[in-house]
Amino acid sequence: MRISDLAGKEIINIFDGVRLGTIGDSDMIIDPETGEIISILLPHRPGLLSLWLDKQEMKIPWSSVKKIGSEVIVVDLDESYSLYKKYF
């Protein structure tokens, strides 16, 4: 699979069914030696509180990716990302 094949796919968390973003809105950390994807970085969600908080990114480890479908990428993130979800 090419990275370009991932563009436009929505990222859904299987833990709570929340839509986290799309690959088109995000960056990836790639190991320059092996070319393997290490993680996906999603930008903060805009909102009223984001005016006062530093811009933060949510880092999704590639190991959390459970399934890549034709339109979505399913990840399994537990409550450890709830701070991100709470403020963004």
PDB file of N, CA and C in Angstrom:
ATOM      1  N   MET A   1       0.842  -1.172   0.000  1.00  0.00           N
ATOM      2  CA  MET A   1       0.000   0.000   0.000  1.00  0.00           C
ATOM      3  C   MET A   1       0.888   1.237   0.000  1.00  0.00           C
ATOM      4  N   ARG A   2       0.507   2.220  -0.763  1.00  0.00           N
ATOM      5  CA  ARG A   2       1.225   3.483  -0.823  1.00  0.00           C
ATOM      6  C   ARG A   2       0.588   4.481   0.136  1.00  0.00           C
ATOM      7  N   ILE A   3       1.387   5.452   0.553  1.00  0.00           N
ATOM      8  CA  ILE A   3       0.864   6.493   1.428  1.00  0.00           C
ATOM      9  C   ILE A   3      -0.255   7.250   0.725  1.00  0.00           C
ATOM     10  N   SER A   4      -0.130   7.434  -0.563  1.00  0.00           N
ATOM     11  CA  SER A   4      -1.179   8.153  -1.299  1.00  0.00           C
ATOM     12  C   SER A   4      -2.511   7.404  -1.259  1.00  0.00           C
ATOM     13  N   ASP A   5      -2.476   6.079  -1.056  1.00  0.00           N
ATOM     14  CA  ASP A   5      -3.710   5.298  -0.924  1.00  0.00           C
ATOM     15  C   ASP A   5      -4.454   5.616   0.381  1.00  0.00           C
ATOM     16  N   LEU A   6      -3.746   6.154   1.358  1.00  0.00           N
ATOM     17  CA  LEU A   6      -4.355   6.484   2.646  1.00  0.00           C
ATOM     18  C   LEU A   6      -5.031   7.855   2.640  1.00  0.00           C
ATOM     19  N   ALA A   7      -4.680   8.699   1.680  1.00  0.00           N
ATOM     20  CA  ALA A   7      -5.205  10.069   1.636  1.00  0.00           C
ATOM     21  C   ALA A   7      -6.725  10.070   1.548  1.00  0.00           C
ATOM     22  N   GLY A   8      -7.341  10.908   2.363  1.00  0.00           N
ATOM     23  CA  GLY A   8      -8.789  11.070   2.351  1.00  0.00           C
ATOM     24  C   GLY A   8      -9.557  10.095   3.224  1.00  0.00           C
ATOM     25  N   LYS A   9      -8.891   9.109   3.778  1.00  0.00           N
ATOM     26  CA  LYS A   9      -9.588   8.153   4.638  1.00  0.00           C
ATOM     27  C   LYS A   9      -9.828   8.760   6.017  1.00  0.00           C
ATOM     28  N   GLU A  10     -11.011   8.521   6.560  1.00  0.00           N
ATOM     29  CA  GLU A  10     -11.340   8.994   7.903  1.00  0.00           C
ATOM     30  C   GLU A  10     -10.729   8.046   8.926  1.00  0.00           C
ATOM     31  N   ILE A  11     -10.326   8.597  10.062  1.00  0.00           N
ATOM     32  CA  ILE A  11      -9.792   7.805  11.159  1.00  0.00           C
ATOM     33  C   ILE A  11     -10.870   7.717  12.227  1.00  0.00           C
ATOM     34  N   ILE A  12     -11.275   6.480  12.545  1.00  0.00           N
ATOM     35  CA  ILE A  12     -12.327   6.222  13.532  1.00  0.00           C
ATOM     36  C   ILE A  12     -11.735   5.409  14.685  1.00  0.00           C
ATOM     37  N   ASN A  13     -12.049   5.830  15.914  1.00  0.00           N
ATOM     38  CA  ASN A  13     -11.590   5.094  17.083  1.00  0.00           C
ATOM     39  C   ASN A  13     -12.624   4.031  17.455  1.00  0.00           C
ATOM     40  N   ILE A  14     -12.210   2.783  17.436  1.00  0.00           N
ATOM     41  CA  ILE A  14     -13.118   1.679  17.748  1.00  0.00           C
ATOM     42  C   ILE A  14     -13.516   1.684  19.224  1.00  0.00           C
ATOM     43  N   PHE A  15     -12.712   2.300  20.085  1.00  0.00           N
ATOM     44  CA  PHE A  15     -12.977   2.322  21.523  1.00  0.00           C
ATOM     45  C   PHE A  15     -14.281   3.045  21.838  1.00  0.00           C
ATOM     46  N   ASP A  16     -14.509   4.201  21.170  1.00  0.00           N
ATOM     47  CA  ASP A  16     -15.718   4.971  21.459  1.00  0.00           C
ATOM     48  C   ASP A  16     -16.461   5.443  20.213  1.00  0.00           C
ATOM     49  N   GLY A  17     -16.000   5.039  19.036  1.00  0.00           N
ATOM     50  CA  GLY A  17     -16.691   5.380  17.800  1.00  0.00           C
ATOM     51  C   GLY A  17     -16.510   6.808  17.339  1.00  0.00           C
ATOM     52  N   VAL A  18     -15.569   7.542  17.913  1.00  0.00           N
ATOM     53  CA  VAL A  18     -15.360   8.947  17.575  1.00  0.00           C
ATOM     54  C   VAL A  18     -14.543   9.079  16.298  1.00  0.00           C
ATOM     55  N   ARG A  19     -14.975  10.020  15.449  1.00  0.00           N
ATOM     56  CA  ARG A  19     -14.216  10.354  14.247  1.00  0.00           C
ATOM     57  C   ARG A  19     -13.090  11.286  14.677  1.00  0.00           C
ATOM     58  N   LEU A  20     -11.854  10.899  14.418  1.00  0.00           N
ATOM     59  CA  LEU A  20     -10.706  11.676  14.870  1.00  0.00           C
ATOM     60  C   LEU A  20     -10.193  12.646  13.820  1.00  0.00           C
ATOM     61  N   GLY A  21     -10.449  12.393  12.563  1.00  0.00           N
ATOM     62  CA  GLY A  21      -9.958  13.257  11.497  1.00  0.00           C
ATOM     63  C   GLY A  21      -9.741  12.456  10.229  1.00  0.00           C
ATOM     64  N   THR A  22      -9.111  13.072   9.270  1.00  0.00           N
ATOM     65  CA  THR A  22      -8.801  12.382   8.020  1.00  0.00           C
ATOM     66  C   THR A  22      -7.305  12.440   7.763  1.00  0.00           C
ATOM     67  N   ILE A  23      -6.849  11.498   6.991  1.00  0.00           N
ATOM     68  CA  ILE A  23      -5.427  11.450   6.665  1.00  0.00           C
ATOM     69  C   ILE A  23      -5.008  12.694   5.890  1.00  0.00           C
ATOM     70  N   GLY A  24      -5.886  13.255   5.092  1.00  0.00           N
ATOM     71  CA  GLY A  24      -5.561  14.464   4.354  1.00  0.00           C
ATOM     72  C   GLY A  24      -5.272  15.652   5.251  1.00  0.00           C
ATOM     73  N   ASP A  25      -5.819  15.640   6.468  1.00  0.00           N
ATOM     74  CA  ASP A  25      -5.616  16.729   7.424  1.00  0.00           C
ATOM     75  C   ASP A  25      -4.441  16.465   8.363  1.00  0.00           C
ATOM     76  N   SER A  26      -3.726  15.399   8.143  1.00  0.00           N
ATOM     77  CA  SER A  26      -2.721  15.000   9.118  1.00  0.00           C
ATOM     78  C   SER A  26      -1.359  14.790   8.470  1.00  0.00           C
ATOM     79  N   ASP A  27      -0.380  14.570   9.318  1.00  0.00           N
ATOM     80  CA  ASP A  27       0.970  14.231   8.897  1.00  0.00           C
ATOM     81  C   ASP A  27       1.300  12.855   9.428  1.00  0.00           C
ATOM     82  N   MET A  28       2.351  12.269   8.882  1.00  0.00           N
ATOM     83  CA  MET A  28       2.815  10.969   9.351  1.00  0.00           C
ATOM     84  C   MET A  28       4.285  11.067   9.706  1.00  0.00           C
ATOM     85  N   ILE A  29       4.665  10.322  10.714  1.00  0.00           N
ATOM     86  CA  ILE A  29       6.076  10.188  11.055  1.00  0.00           C
ATOM     87  C   ILE A  29       6.541   8.881  10.427  1.00  0.00           C
ATOM     88  N   ILE A  30       7.538   8.981   9.576  1.00  0.00           N
ATOM     89  CA  ILE A  30       8.029   7.820   8.837  1.00  0.00           C
ATOM     90  C   ILE A  30       9.497   7.609   9.178  1.00  0.00           C
ATOM     91  N   ASP A  31       9.869   6.358   9.431  1.00  0.00           N
ATOM     92  CA  ASP A  31      11.254   6.006   9.703  1.00  0.00           C
ATOM     93  C   ASP A  31      12.052   6.164   8.404  1.00  0.00           C
ATOM     94  N   PRO A  32      13.024   7.069   8.385  1.00  0.00           N
ATOM     95  CA  PRO A  32      13.770   7.299   7.142  1.00  0.00           C
ATOM     96  C   PRO A  32      14.636   6.115   6.715  1.00  0.00           C
ATOM     97  N   GLU A  33      14.992   5.268   7.660  1.00  0.00           N
ATOM     98  CA  GLU A  33      15.823   4.104   7.331  1.00  0.00           C
ATOM     99  C   GLU A  33      15.019   3.001   6.653  1.00  0.00           C
ATOM    100  N   THR A  34      13.828   2.732   7.185  1.00  0.00           N
ATOM    101  CA  THR A  34      13.041   1.593   6.692  1.00  0.00           C
ATOM    102  C   THR A  34      11.858   2.000   5.821  1.00  0.00           C
ATOM    103  N   GLY A  35      11.433   3.270   5.938  1.00  0.00           N
ATOM    104  CA  GLY A  35      10.261   3.716   5.202  1.00  0.00           C
ATOM    105  C   GLY A  35       8.948   3.325   5.866  1.00  0.00           C
ATOM    106  N   GLU A  36       9.003   2.736   7.058  1.00  0.00           N
ATOM    107  CA  GLU A  36       7.799   2.317   7.773  1.00  0.00           C
ATOM    108  C   GLU A  36       7.149   3.502   8.472  1.00  0.00           C
ATOM    109  N   ILE A  37       5.828   3.480   8.545  1.00  0.00           N
ATOM    110  CA  ILE A  37       5.089   4.515   9.256  1.00  0.00           C
ATOM    111  C   ILE A  37       5.196   4.238  10.756  1.00  0.00           C
ATOM    112  N   ILE A  38       5.593   5.244  11.505  1.00  0.00           N
ATOM    113  CA  ILE A  38       5.711   5.107  12.959  1.00  0.00           C
ATOM    114  C   ILE A  38       4.424   5.572  13.631  1.00  0.00           C
ATOM    115  N   SER A  39       3.901   6.723  13.193  1.00  0.00           N
ATOM    116  CA  SER A  39       2.670   7.243  13.786  1.00  0.00           C
ATOM    117  C   SER A  39       2.004   8.250  12.855  1.00  0.00           C
ATOM    118  N   ILE A  40       0.751   8.538  13.171  1.00  0.00           N
ATOM    119  CA  ILE A  40      -0.037   9.539  12.461  1.00  0.00           C
ATOM    120  C   ILE A  40      -0.225  10.712  13.414  1.00  0.00           C
ATOM    121  N   LEU A  41       0.008  11.924  12.934  1.00  0.00           N
ATOM    122  CA  LEU A  41      -0.190  13.124  13.739  1.00  0.00           C
ATOM    123  C   LEU A  41      -1.433  13.846  13.245  1.00  0.00           C
ATOM    124  N   LEU A  42      -2.395  13.993  14.128  1.00  0.00           N
ATOM    125  CA  LEU A  42      -3.608  14.740  13.787  1.00  0.00           C
ATOM    126  C   LEU A  42      -3.521  16.121  14.403  1.00  0.00           C
ATOM    127  N   PRO A  43      -3.847  17.166  13.648  1.00  0.00           N
ATOM    128  CA  PRO A  43      -3.817  18.513  14.215  1.00  0.00           C
ATOM    129  C   PRO A  43      -4.939  18.699  15.225  1.00  0.00           C
ATOM    130  N   HIS A  44      -4.793  19.713  16.077  1.00  0.00           N
ATOM    131  CA  HIS A  44      -5.836  19.998  17.076  1.00  0.00           C
ATOM    132  C   HIS A  44      -7.116  20.380  16.364  1.00  0.00           C
ATOM    133  N   ARG A  45      -8.215  20.150  17.026  1.00  0.00           N
ATOM    134  CA  ARG A  45      -9.517  20.527  16.487  1.00  0.00           C
ATOM    135  C   ARG A  45      -9.788  21.976  16.853  1.00  0.00           C
ATOM    136  N   PRO A  46     -10.225  22.787  15.903  1.00  0.00           N
ATOM    137  CA  PRO A  46     -10.500  24.183  16.233  1.00  0.00           C
ATOM    138  C   PRO A  46     -11.701  24.310  17.162  1.00  0.00           C
ATOM    139  N   GLY A  47     -11.637  25.269  18.022  1.00  0.00           N
ATOM    140  CA  GLY A  47     -12.737  25.511  18.952  1.00  0.00           C
ATOM    141  C   GLY A  47     -12.430  26.714  19.813  1.00  0.00           C
ATOM    142  N   LEU A  48     -13.373  27.065  20.642  1.00  0.00           N
ATOM    143  CA  LEU A  48     -13.215  28.234  21.490  1.00  0.00           C
ATOM    144  C   LEU A  48     -12.025  28.103  22.427  1.00  0.00           C
ATOM    145  N   LEU A  49     -11.864  26.961  23.054  1.00  0.00           N
ATOM    146  CA  LEU A  49     -10.763  26.789  24.002  1.00  0.00           C
ATOM    147  C   LEU A  49      -9.408  26.777  23.326  1.00  0.00           C
ATOM    148  N   SER A  50      -9.354  26.450  22.044  1.00  0.00           N
ATOM    149  CA  SER A  50      -8.069  26.373  21.361  1.00  0.00           C
ATOM    150  C   SER A  50      -7.407  27.744  21.235  1.00  0.00           C
ATOM    151  N   LEU A  51      -8.155  28.820  21.466  1.00  0.00           N
ATOM    152  CA  LEU A  51      -7.554  30.144  21.429  1.00  0.00           C
ATOM    153  C   LEU A  51      -6.579  30.344  22.588  1.00  0.00           C
ATOM    154  N   TRP A  52      -6.867  29.687  23.720  1.00  0.00           N
ATOM    155  CA  TRP A  52      -6.030  29.847  24.895  1.00  0.00           C
ATOM    156  C   TRP A  52      -5.026  28.717  25.094  1.00  0.00           C
ATOM    157  N   LEU A  53      -5.245  27.604  24.475  1.00  0.00           N
ATOM    158  CA  LEU A  53      -4.349  26.471  24.655  1.00  0.00           C
ATOM    159  C   LEU A  53      -3.330  26.420  23.529  1.00  0.00           C
ATOM    160  N   ASP A  54      -2.163  25.908  23.845  1.00  0.00           N
ATOM    161  CA  ASP A  54      -1.155  25.718  22.808  1.00  0.00           C
ATOM    162  C   ASP A  54      -1.679  24.743  21.763  1.00  0.00           C
ATOM    163  N   LYS A  55      -1.212  24.942  20.536  1.00  0.00           N
ATOM    164  CA  LYS A  55      -1.588  23.985  19.487  1.00  0.00           C
ATOM    165  C   LYS A  55      -0.950  22.650  19.830  1.00  0.00           C
ATOM    166  N   GLN A  56      -1.778  21.643  19.912  1.00  0.00           N
ATOM    167  CA  GLN A  56      -1.294  20.315  20.236  1.00  0.00           C
ATOM    168  C   GLN A  56      -1.714  19.373  19.139  1.00  0.00           C
ATOM    169  N   GLU A  57      -0.933  18.349  18.973  1.00  0.00           N
ATOM    170  CA  GLU A  57      -1.257  17.320  18.002  1.00  0.00           C
ATOM    171  C   GLU A  57      -1.515  16.020  18.736  1.00  0.00           C
ATOM    172  N   MET A  58      -2.366  15.225  18.166  1.00  0.00           N
ATOM    173  CA  MET A  58      -2.623  13.904  18.717  1.00  0.00           C
ATOM    174  C   MET A  58      -1.776  12.921  17.931  1.00  0.00           C
ATOM    175  N   LYS A  59      -0.980  12.154  18.636  1.00  0.00           N
ATOM    176  CA  LYS A  59      -0.108  11.181  17.999  1.00  0.00           C
ATOM    177  C   LYS A  59      -0.747   9.804  18.108  1.00  0.00           C
ATOM    178  N   ILE A  60      -1.047   9.207  16.975  1.00  0.00           N
ATOM    179  CA  ILE A  60      -1.630   7.863  16.942  1.00  0.00           C
ATOM    180  C   ILE A  60      -0.539   6.884  16.522  1.00  0.00           C
ATOM    181  N   PRO A  61      -0.104   6.017  17.415  1.00  0.00           N
ATOM    182  CA  PRO A  61       0.919   5.041  17.042  1.00  0.00           C
ATOM    183  C   PRO A  61       0.400   4.113  15.935  1.00  0.00           C
ATOM    184  N   TRP A  62       1.260   3.790  14.996  1.00  0.00           N
ATOM    185  CA  TRP A  62       0.854   2.907  13.900  1.00  0.00           C
ATOM    186  C   TRP A  62       0.405   1.557  14.443  1.00  0.00           C
ATOM    187  N   SER A  63       0.920   1.154  15.595  1.00  0.00           N
ATOM    188  CA  SER A  63       0.517  -0.118  16.197  1.00  0.00           C
ATOM    189  C   SER A  63      -0.948  -0.103  16.637  1.00  0.00           C
ATOM    190  N   SER A  64      -1.546   1.094  16.773  1.00  0.00           N
ATOM    191  CA  SER A  64      -2.957   1.208  17.150  1.00  0.00           C
ATOM    192  C   SER A  64      -3.894   1.047  15.964  1.00  0.00           C
ATOM    193  N   VAL A  65      -3.350   1.079  14.754  1.00  0.00           N
ATOM    194  CA  VAL A  65      -4.178   0.898  13.558  1.00  0.00           C
ATOM    195  C   VAL A  65      -4.584  -0.568  13.488  1.00  0.00           C
ATOM    196  N   LYS A  66      -5.894  -0.821  13.482  1.00  0.00           N
ATOM    197  CA  LYS A  66      -6.404  -2.187  13.481  1.00  0.00           C
ATOM    198  C   LYS A  66      -6.883  -2.649  12.115  1.00  0.00           C
ATOM    199  N   LYS A  67      -7.415  -1.721  11.306  1.00  0.00           N
ATOM    200  CA  LYS A  67      -7.959  -2.109  10.006  1.00  0.00           C
ATOM    201  C   LYS A  67      -7.954  -0.900   9.088  1.00  0.00           C
ATOM    202  N   ILE A  68      -7.582  -1.130   7.841  1.00  0.00           N
ATOM    203  CA  ILE A  68      -7.651  -0.089   6.816  1.00  0.00           C
ATOM    204  C   ILE A  68      -8.648  -0.557   5.784  1.00  0.00           C
ATOM    205  N   GLY A  69      -9.755   0.182   5.693  1.00  0.00           N
ATOM    206  CA  GLY A  69     -10.803  -0.147   4.732  1.00  0.00           C
ATOM    207  C   GLY A  69     -10.738   0.776   3.532  1.00  0.00           C
ATOM    208  N   SER A  70     -11.741   0.674   2.677  1.00  0.00           N
ATOM    209  CA  SER A  70     -11.758   1.497   1.470  1.00  0.00           C
ATOM    210  C   SER A  70     -12.031   2.969   1.774  1.00  0.00           C
ATOM    211  N   GLU A  71     -12.699   3.257   2.893  1.00  0.00           N
ATOM    212  CA  GLU A  71     -13.028   4.642   3.234  1.00  0.00           C
ATOM    213  C   GLU A  71     -12.571   5.072   4.620  1.00  0.00           C
ATOM    214  N   VAL A  72     -12.290   4.126   5.512  1.00  0.00           N
ATOM    215  CA  VAL A  72     -11.915   4.478   6.882  1.00  0.00           C
ATOM    216  C   VAL A  72     -10.693   3.688   7.336  1.00  0.00           C
ATOM    217  N   ILE A  73     -10.062   4.245   8.358  1.00  0.00           N
ATOM    218  CA  ILE A  73      -8.993   3.563   9.079  1.00  0.00           C
ATOM    219  C   ILE A  73      -9.483   3.425  10.511  1.00  0.00           C
ATOM    220  N   VAL A  74      -9.536   2.206  11.006  1.00  0.00           N
ATOM    221  CA  VAL A  74     -10.008   1.944  12.362  1.00  0.00           C
ATOM    222  C   VAL A  74      -8.792   1.822  13.285  1.00  0.00           C
ATOM    223  N   VAL A  75      -8.808   2.627  14.350  1.00  0.00           N
ATOM    224  CA  VAL A  75      -7.740   2.577  15.340  1.00  0.00           C
ATOM    225  C   VAL A  75      -8.344   2.214  16.689  1.00  0.00           C
ATOM    226  N   ASP A  76      -7.514   1.743  17.587  1.00  0.00           N
ATOM    227  CA  ASP A  76      -7.967   1.383  18.927  1.00  0.00           C
ATOM    228  C   ASP A  76      -7.181   2.205  19.939  1.00  0.00           C
ATOM    229  N   LEU A  77      -7.776   3.318  20.369  1.00  0.00           N
ATOM    230  CA  LEU A  77      -7.182   4.175  21.387  1.00  0.00           C
ATOM    231  C   LEU A  77      -8.105   4.185  22.590  1.00  0.00           C
ATOM    232  N   ASP A  78      -7.555   3.949  23.764  1.00  0.00           N
ATOM    233  CA  ASP A  78      -8.384   3.929  24.957  1.00  0.00           C
ATOM    234  C   ASP A  78      -8.541   5.335  25.518  1.00  0.00           C
ATOM    235  N   GLU A  79      -8.908   5.439  26.775  1.00  0.00           N
ATOM    236  CA  GLU A  79      -9.182   6.735  27.373  1.00  0.00           C
ATOM    237  C   GLU A  79      -7.953   7.619  27.513  1.00  0.00           C
ATOM    238  N   SER A  80      -6.777   7.131  27.153  1.00  0.00           N
ATOM    239  CA  SER A  80      -5.576   7.957  27.273  1.00  0.00           C
ATOM    240  C   SER A  80      -5.603   9.165  26.347  1.00  0.00           C
ATOM    241  N   TYR A  81      -6.427   9.144  25.325  1.00  0.00           N
ATOM    242  CA  TYR A  81      -6.537  10.300  24.444  1.00  0.00           C
ATOM    243  C   TYR A  81      -7.697  11.203  24.852  1.00  0.00           C
ATOM    244  N   SER A  82      -8.351  10.923  25.973  1.00  0.00           N
ATOM    245  CA  SER A  82      -9.541  11.678  26.370  1.00  0.00           C
ATOM    246  C   SER A  82      -9.237  13.144  26.650  1.00  0.00           C
ATOM    247  N   LEU A  83      -8.031  13.474  27.112  1.00  0.00           N
ATOM    248  CA  LEU A  83      -7.685  14.875  27.337  1.00  0.00           C
ATOM    249  C   LEU A  83      -7.739  15.628  26.015  1.00  0.00           C
ATOM    250  N   TYR A  84      -7.209  15.036  24.987  1.00  0.00           N
ATOM    251  CA  TYR A  84      -7.263  15.636  23.653  1.00  0.00           C
ATOM    252  C   TYR A  84      -8.707  15.854  23.237  1.00  0.00           C
ATOM    253  N   LYS A  85      -9.522  14.818  23.385  1.00  0.00           N
ATOM    254  CA  LYS A  85     -10.918  14.881  22.978  1.00  0.00           C
ATOM    255  C   LYS A  85     -11.689  15.910  23.816  1.00  0.00           C
ATOM    256  N   LYS A  86     -11.346  16.019  25.092  1.00  0.00           N
ATOM    257  CA  LYS A  86     -12.064  16.922  25.993  1.00  0.00           C
ATOM    258  C   LYS A  86     -11.891  18.380  25.577  1.00  0.00           C
ATOM    259  N   TYR A  87     -10.690  18.759  25.191  1.00  0.00           N
ATOM    260  CA  TYR A  87     -10.414  20.154  24.888  1.00  0.00           C
ATOM    261  C   TYR A  87     -10.482  20.496  23.408  1.00  0.00           C
ATOM    262  N   PHE A  88     -10.467  19.506  22.559  1.00  0.00           N
ATOM    263  CA  PHE A  88     -10.447  19.791  21.127  1.00  0.00           C
ATOM    264  C   PHE A  88     -11.590  19.120  20.514  1.00  0.00           C
TER     265      PHE A  88
END
